[in-house]
PDB file of N, CA and C in Angstrom:
ATOM      1  N   MET A   1       6.891  24.325   8.901  1.00  0.00           N
ATOM      2  CA  MET A   1       8.527  25.081   8.450  1.00  0.00           C
ATOM      3  C   MET A   1       8.612  26.533   8.780  1.00  0.00           C
ATOM      4  N   GLN A   2       9.565  26.987   8.553  1.00  0.00           N
ATOM      5  CA  GLN A   2      10.030  28.358   8.637  1.00  0.00           C
ATOM      6  C   GLN A   2      10.509  29.110   7.783  1.00  0.00           C
ATOM      7  N   LYS A   3      10.464  30.040   7.211  1.00  0.00           N
ATOM      8  CA  LYS A   3      11.473  30.803   6.065  1.00  0.00           C
ATOM      9  C   LYS A   3      12.307  31.819   6.546  1.00  0.00           C
ATOM     10  N   TRP A   4      13.588  31.678   5.976  1.00  0.00           N
ATOM     11  CA  TRP A   4      14.650  32.488   6.494  1.00  0.00           C
ATOM     12  C   TRP A   4      15.046  33.396   5.351  1.00  0.00           C
ATOM     13  N   PHE A   5      15.239  34.433   5.330  1.00  0.00           N
ATOM     14  CA  PHE A   5      16.127  35.569   4.246  1.00  0.00           C
ATOM     15  C   PHE A   5      17.384  35.554   4.708  1.00  0.00           C
ATOM     16  N   TYR A   6      18.438  35.411   3.839  1.00  0.00           N
ATOM     17  CA  TYR A   6      19.873  35.866   4.211  1.00  0.00           C
ATOM     18  C   TYR A   6      20.149  36.553   3.010  1.00  0.00           C
ATOM     19  N   SER A   7      21.418  37.026   3.395  1.00  0.00           N
ATOM     20  CA  SER A   7      21.994  38.345   2.180  1.00  0.00           C
ATOM     21  C   SER A   7      23.644  38.534   2.591  1.00  0.00           C
ATOM     22  N   TRP A   8      24.276  37.987   1.545  1.00  0.00           N
ATOM     23  CA  TRP A   8      25.930  37.793   1.843  1.00  0.00           C
ATOM     24  C   TRP A   8      27.150  38.605   0.745  1.00  0.00           C
ATOM     25  N   CYS A   9      27.961  38.958   1.189  1.00  0.00           N
ATOM     26  CA  CYS A   9      29.007  38.877   0.470  1.00  0.00           C
ATOM     27  C   CYS A   9      30.039  38.399   0.318  1.00  0.00           C
ATOM     28  N   THR A  10      30.835  38.018  -0.615  1.00  0.00           N
ATOM     29  CA  THR A  10      32.175  37.176  -0.521  1.00  0.00           C
ATOM     30  C   THR A  10      33.242  38.465  -0.602  1.00  0.00           C
ATOM     31  N   TYR A  11      34.299  38.183  -0.210  1.00  0.00           N
ATOM     32  CA  TYR A  11      35.370  39.422  -0.204  1.00  0.00           C
ATOM     33  C   TYR A  11      37.004  38.780  -0.810  1.00  0.00           C
ATOM     34  N   THR A  12      37.971  39.498  -1.538  1.00  0.00           N
ATOM     35  CA  THR A  12      39.012  39.377  -2.245  1.00  0.00           C
ATOM     36  C   THR A  12      39.763  40.114  -1.898  1.00  0.00           C
ATOM     37  N   SER A  13      41.259  39.721  -1.798  1.00  0.00           N
ATOM     38  CA  SER A  13      42.356  40.397  -1.605  1.00  0.00           C
ATOM     39  C   SER A  13      42.485  41.510  -2.777  1.00  0.00           C
ATOM     40  N   ASN A  14      42.768  42.646  -2.289  1.00  0.00           N
ATOM     41  CA  ASN A  14      43.384  43.698  -3.662  1.00  0.00           C
ATOM     42  C   ASN A  14      44.852  44.022  -3.622  1.00  0.00           C
ATOM     43  N   GLU A  15      45.200  44.714  -4.485  1.00  0.00           N
ATOM     44  CA  GLU A  15      46.384  44.983  -4.818  1.00  0.00           C
ATOM     45  C   GLU A  15      47.187  46.141  -3.213  1.00  0.00           C
ATOM     46  N   ALA A  16      46.567  46.895  -2.707  1.00  0.00           N
ATOM     47  CA  ALA A  16      46.595  47.567  -1.906  1.00  0.00           C
ATOM     48  C   ALA A  16      46.578  47.155  -0.309  1.00  0.00           C
ATOM     49  N   GLY A  17      46.414  45.723  -0.378  1.00  0.00           N
ATOM     50  CA  GLY A  17      46.217  44.820   0.799  1.00  0.00           C
ATOM     51  C   GLY A  17      44.988  45.027   1.789  1.00  0.00           C
ATOM     52  N   GLY A  18      44.368  45.580   1.054  1.00  0.00           N
ATOM     53  CA  GLY A  18      42.538  45.564   1.786  1.00  0.00           C
ATOM     54  C   GLY A  18      41.745  44.767   1.144  1.00  0.00           C
ATOM     55  N   ASP A  19      40.389  44.283   1.625  1.00  0.00           N
ATOM     56  CA  ASP A  19      39.518  43.412   0.821  1.00  0.00           C
ATOM     57  C   ASP A  19      39.057  44.149  -0.221  1.00  0.00           C
ATOM     58  N   THR A  20      38.140  43.588  -1.167  1.00  0.00           N
ATOM     59  CA  THR A  20      37.060  44.299  -2.252  1.00  0.00           C
ATOM     60  C   THR A  20      36.364  43.012  -2.452  1.00  0.00           C
ATOM     61  N   ILE A  21      34.549  43.569  -2.209  1.00  0.00           N
ATOM     62  CA  ILE A  21      33.883  42.399  -2.400  1.00  0.00           C
ATOM     63  C   ILE A  21      33.871  42.233  -3.925  1.00  0.00           C
ATOM     64  N   PHE A  22      33.845  40.705  -4.063  1.00  0.00           N
ATOM     65  CA  PHE A  22      33.716  40.026  -4.992  1.00  0.00           C
ATOM     66  C   PHE A  22      32.482  39.442  -5.745  1.00  0.00           C
ATOM     67  N   LYS A  23      31.878  39.208  -4.600  1.00  0.00           N
ATOM     68  CA  LYS A  23      30.180  38.680  -5.239  1.00  0.00           C
ATOM     69  C   LYS A  23      29.511  38.920  -4.007  1.00  0.00           C
ATOM     70  N   PHE A  24      28.087  39.083  -4.339  1.00  0.00           N
ATOM     71  CA  PHE A  24      27.247  38.819  -3.495  1.00  0.00           C
ATOM     72  C   PHE A  24      25.791  38.668  -3.832  1.00  0.00           C
ATOM     73  N   GLY A  25      24.904  38.690  -3.049  1.00  0.00           N
ATOM     74  CA  GLY A  25      23.796  38.263  -3.324  1.00  0.00           C
ATOM     75  C   GLY A  25      22.350  37.619  -1.810  1.00  0.00           C
ATOM     76  N   SER A  26      21.302  37.239  -2.344  1.00  0.00           N
ATOM     77  CA  SER A  26      20.273  36.929  -1.473  1.00  0.00           C
ATOM     78  C   SER A  26      19.632  35.817  -1.591  1.00  0.00           C
ATOM     79  N   GLY A  27      19.348  35.350  -0.675  1.00  0.00           N
ATOM     80  CA  GLY A  27      18.409  34.052  -0.892  1.00  0.00           C
ATOM     81  C   GLY A  27      17.393  34.253   0.012  1.00  0.00           C
ATOM     82  N   VAL A  28      16.618  33.078  -0.031  1.00  0.00           N
ATOM     83  CA  VAL A  28      15.756  32.402   1.306  1.00  0.00           C
ATOM     84  C   VAL A  28      15.658  31.107   1.160  1.00  0.00           C
ATOM     85  N   VAL A  29      15.853  30.070   2.561  1.00  0.00           N
ATOM     86  CA  VAL A  29      15.896  28.918   2.734  1.00  0.00           C
ATOM     87  C   VAL A  29      14.737  28.616   3.603  1.00  0.00           C
ATOM     88  N   GLU A  30      14.122  27.580   3.244  1.00  0.00           N
ATOM     89  CA  GLU A  30      13.183  27.136   4.591  1.00  0.00           C
ATOM     90  C   GLU A  30      13.707  25.705   5.565  1.00  0.00           C
ATOM     91  N   SER A  31      13.310  25.862   6.967  1.00  0.00           N
ATOM     92  CA  SER A  31      13.670  24.847   7.821  1.00  0.00           C
ATOM     93  C   SER A  31      12.550  24.513   9.066  1.00  0.00           C
ATOM     94  N   HIS A  32      13.099  23.542   9.501  1.00  0.00           N
ATOM     95  CA  HIS A  32      11.807  22.918  10.233  1.00  0.00           C
ATOM     96  C   HIS A  32      11.598  23.815  11.413  1.00  0.00           C
ATOM     97  N   LYS A  33      10.664  23.942  12.215  1.00  0.00           N
ATOM     98  CA  LYS A  33      10.310  25.309  12.827  1.00  0.00           C
ATOM     99  C   LYS A  33      11.223  24.777  14.351  1.00  0.00           C
ATOM    100  N   GLU A  34      11.298  23.395  14.428  1.00  0.00           N
ATOM    101  CA  GLU A  34      12.380  22.667  15.768  1.00  0.00           C
ATOM    102  C   GLU A  34      13.973  23.124  15.683  1.00  0.00           C
ATOM    103  N   GLN A  35      14.297  23.591  14.335  1.00  0.00           N
ATOM    104  CA  GLN A  35      15.441  23.888  14.401  1.00  0.00           C
ATOM    105  C   GLN A  35      16.444  25.302  14.673  1.00  0.00           C
ATOM    106  N   GLU A  36      17.106  25.547  15.744  1.00  0.00           N
ATOM    107  CA  GLU A  36      17.839  26.961  16.283  1.00  0.00           C
ATOM    108  C   GLU A  36      18.104  27.548  14.945  1.00  0.00           C
ATOM    109  N   PRO A  37      17.966  28.603  15.480  1.00  0.00           N
ATOM    110  CA  PRO A  37      18.240  29.891  13.972  1.00  0.00           C
ATOM    111  C   PRO A  37      19.863  29.291  13.713  1.00  0.00           C
ATOM    112  N   GLU A  38      20.969  29.341  15.472  1.00  0.00           N
ATOM    113  CA  GLU A  38      22.035  29.342  14.625  1.00  0.00           C
ATOM    114  C   GLU A  38      22.531  28.175  13.869  1.00  0.00           C
ATOM    115  N   LYS A  39      22.154  27.036  13.999  1.00  0.00           N
ATOM    116  CA  LYS A  39      21.927  25.760  13.080  1.00  0.00           C
ATOM    117  C   LYS A  39      21.554  26.106  11.576  1.00  0.00           C
ATOM    118  N   VAL A  40      20.482  27.073  11.413  1.00  0.00           N
ATOM    119  CA  VAL A  40      20.166  27.448  10.121  1.00  0.00           C
ATOM    120  C   VAL A  40      21.507  28.380   9.749  1.00  0.00           C
ATOM    121  N   LEU A  41      21.760  29.251  10.544  1.00  0.00           N
ATOM    122  CA  LEU A  41      22.933  30.147   9.725  1.00  0.00           C
ATOM    123  C   LEU A  41      24.023  29.601   9.605  1.00  0.00           C
ATOM    124  N   HIS A  42      24.670  28.523  10.345  1.00  0.00           N
ATOM    125  CA  HIS A  42      25.764  27.817  10.103  1.00  0.00           C
ATOM    126  C   HIS A  42      25.451  27.035   8.805  1.00  0.00           C
ATOM    127  N   ASP A  43      24.188  26.522   8.887  1.00  0.00           N
ATOM    128  CA  ASP A  43      24.029  25.594   7.589  1.00  0.00           C
ATOM    129  C   ASP A  43      24.121  26.532   5.996  1.00  0.00           C
ATOM    130  N   ILE A  44      23.717  27.736   6.252  1.00  0.00           N
ATOM    131  CA  ILE A  44      23.568  28.457   5.316  1.00  0.00           C
ATOM    132  C   ILE A  44      25.073  28.962   4.941  1.00  0.00           C
ATOM    133  N   LYS A  45      26.017  29.044   5.811  1.00  0.00           N
ATOM    134  CA  LYS A  45      27.070  29.646   5.853  1.00  0.00           C
ATOM    135  C   LYS A  45      28.037  28.450   4.816  1.00  0.00           C
ATOM    136  N   GLU A  46      28.035  27.314   5.328  1.00  0.00           N
ATOM    137  CA  GLU A  46      28.584  26.026   4.834  1.00  0.00           C
ATOM    138  C   GLU A  46      27.874  26.040   3.316  1.00  0.00           C
ATOM    139  N   MET A  47      26.560  26.099   2.861  1.00  0.00           N
ATOM    140  CA  MET A  47      25.916  26.086   1.387  1.00  0.00           C
ATOM    141  C   MET A  47      27.453  27.118   0.654  1.00  0.00           C
ATOM    142  N   LEU A  48      26.922  28.385   1.439  1.00  0.00           N
ATOM    143  CA  LEU A  48      27.642  29.390   0.635  1.00  0.00           C
ATOM    144  C   LEU A  48      29.617  29.232   0.441  1.00  0.00           C
ATOM    145  N   ASN A  49      30.195  28.938   1.555  1.00  0.00           N
ATOM    146  CA  ASN A  49      31.869  28.130   1.253  1.00  0.00           C
ATOM    147  C   ASN A  49      31.783  27.302   0.512  1.00  0.00           C
ATOM    148  N   HIS A  50      30.711  26.568   0.521  1.00  0.00           N
ATOM    149  CA  HIS A  50      30.842  25.247  -0.613  1.00  0.00           C
ATOM    150  C   HIS A  50      30.708  26.166  -2.470  1.00  0.00           C
ATOM    151  N   GLU A  51      29.718  26.749  -1.979  1.00  0.00           N
ATOM    152  CA  GLU A  51      29.284  26.981  -3.505  1.00  0.00           C
ATOM    153  C   GLU A  51      30.525  28.374  -3.894  1.00  0.00           C
ATOM    154  N   ASN A  52      31.283  29.044  -3.099  1.00  0.00           N
ATOM    155  CA  ASN A  52      32.058  30.044  -3.569  1.00  0.00           C
ATOM    156  C   ASN A  52      33.618  29.677  -3.352  1.00  0.00           C
ATOM    157  N   ASP A  53      34.069  27.970  -3.517  1.00  0.00           N
ATOM    158  CA  ASP A  53      35.122  27.735  -3.116  1.00  0.00           C
ATOM    159  C   ASP A  53      35.900  28.445  -2.115  1.00  0.00           C
ATOM    160  N   GLY A  54      35.233  28.291  -0.851  1.00  0.00           N
ATOM    161  CA  GLY A  54      35.897  28.366   0.360  1.00  0.00           C
ATOM    162  C   GLY A  54      36.430  29.812   0.644  1.00  0.00           C
ATOM    163  N   THR A  55      36.076  30.955  -0.549  1.00  0.00           N
ATOM    164  CA  THR A  55      35.975  32.347  -0.170  1.00  0.00           C
ATOM    165  C   THR A  55      35.520  33.029   0.867  1.00  0.00           C
ATOM    166  N   ARG A  56      36.639  33.691   1.378  1.00  0.00           N
ATOM    167  CA  ARG A  56      35.402  34.249   2.900  1.00  0.00           C
ATOM    168  C   ARG A  56      34.280  35.337   2.501  1.00  0.00           C
ATOM    169  N   VAL A  57      33.080  34.392   3.283  1.00  0.00           N
ATOM    170  CA  VAL A  57      31.732  34.749   2.646  1.00  0.00           C
ATOM    171  C   VAL A  57      31.048  35.644   4.345  1.00  0.00           C
ATOM    172  N   HIS A  58      30.842  36.589   4.081  1.00  0.00           N
ATOM    173  CA  HIS A  58      30.276  37.459   5.484  1.00  0.00           C
ATOM    174  C   HIS A  58      28.827  37.585   5.150  1.00  0.00           C
ATOM    175  N   ILE A  59      27.754  36.972   6.114  1.00  0.00           N
ATOM    176  CA  ILE A  59      26.572  37.197   6.051  1.00  0.00           C
ATOM    177  C   ILE A  59      26.153  38.854   6.458  1.00  0.00           C
ATOM    178  N   ILE A  60      25.389  39.318   5.952  1.00  0.00           N
ATOM    179  CA  ILE A  60      24.806  40.833   6.010  1.00  0.00           C
ATOM    180  C   ILE A  60      23.510  40.565   6.837  1.00  0.00           C
ATOM    181  N   ALA A  61      22.982  40.230   5.869  1.00  0.00           N
ATOM    182  CA  ALA A  61      21.440  40.038   6.828  1.00  0.00           C
ATOM    183  C   ALA A  61      21.052  38.631   6.949  1.00  0.00           C
ATOM    184  N   PHE A  62      20.073  38.189   8.114  1.00  0.00           N
ATOM    185  CA  PHE A  62      19.552  37.067   8.777  1.00  0.00           C
ATOM    186  C   PHE A  62      18.490  37.418   9.122  1.00  0.00           C
ATOM    187  N   ASN A  63      17.073  37.055   8.675  1.00  0.00           N
ATOM    188  CA  ASN A  63      16.056  37.206   9.345  1.00  0.00           C
ATOM    189  C   ASN A  63      14.938  36.291   9.133  1.00  0.00           C
ATOM    190  N   LYS A  64      14.016  35.598   9.901  1.00  0.00           N
ATOM    191  CA  LYS A  64      12.790  34.817   9.923  1.00  0.00           C
ATOM    192  C   LYS A  64      11.926  35.987   8.858  1.00  0.00           C
ATOM    193  N   ILE A  65      11.237  35.131   8.239  1.00  0.00           N
ATOM    194  CA  ILE A  65      10.176  35.919   7.363  1.00  0.00           C
ATOM    195  C   ILE A  65       8.738  35.165   7.298  1.00  0.00           C
TER     196      ILE A  65
END
């Protein structure tokens, strides 16, 4: 197994027409050693999109630990 650290934030529109950070956080996930980093990142994005009701999610950091 390998561990991956990720940091993220979600944005919401503001009245001025720009974006404002709505929520942010970080976490650690485990994956099989054979799993490609792109697949791990894709799975993290899907999880975060689901948890945040489809709000725009931006991954700030993604590193193997």
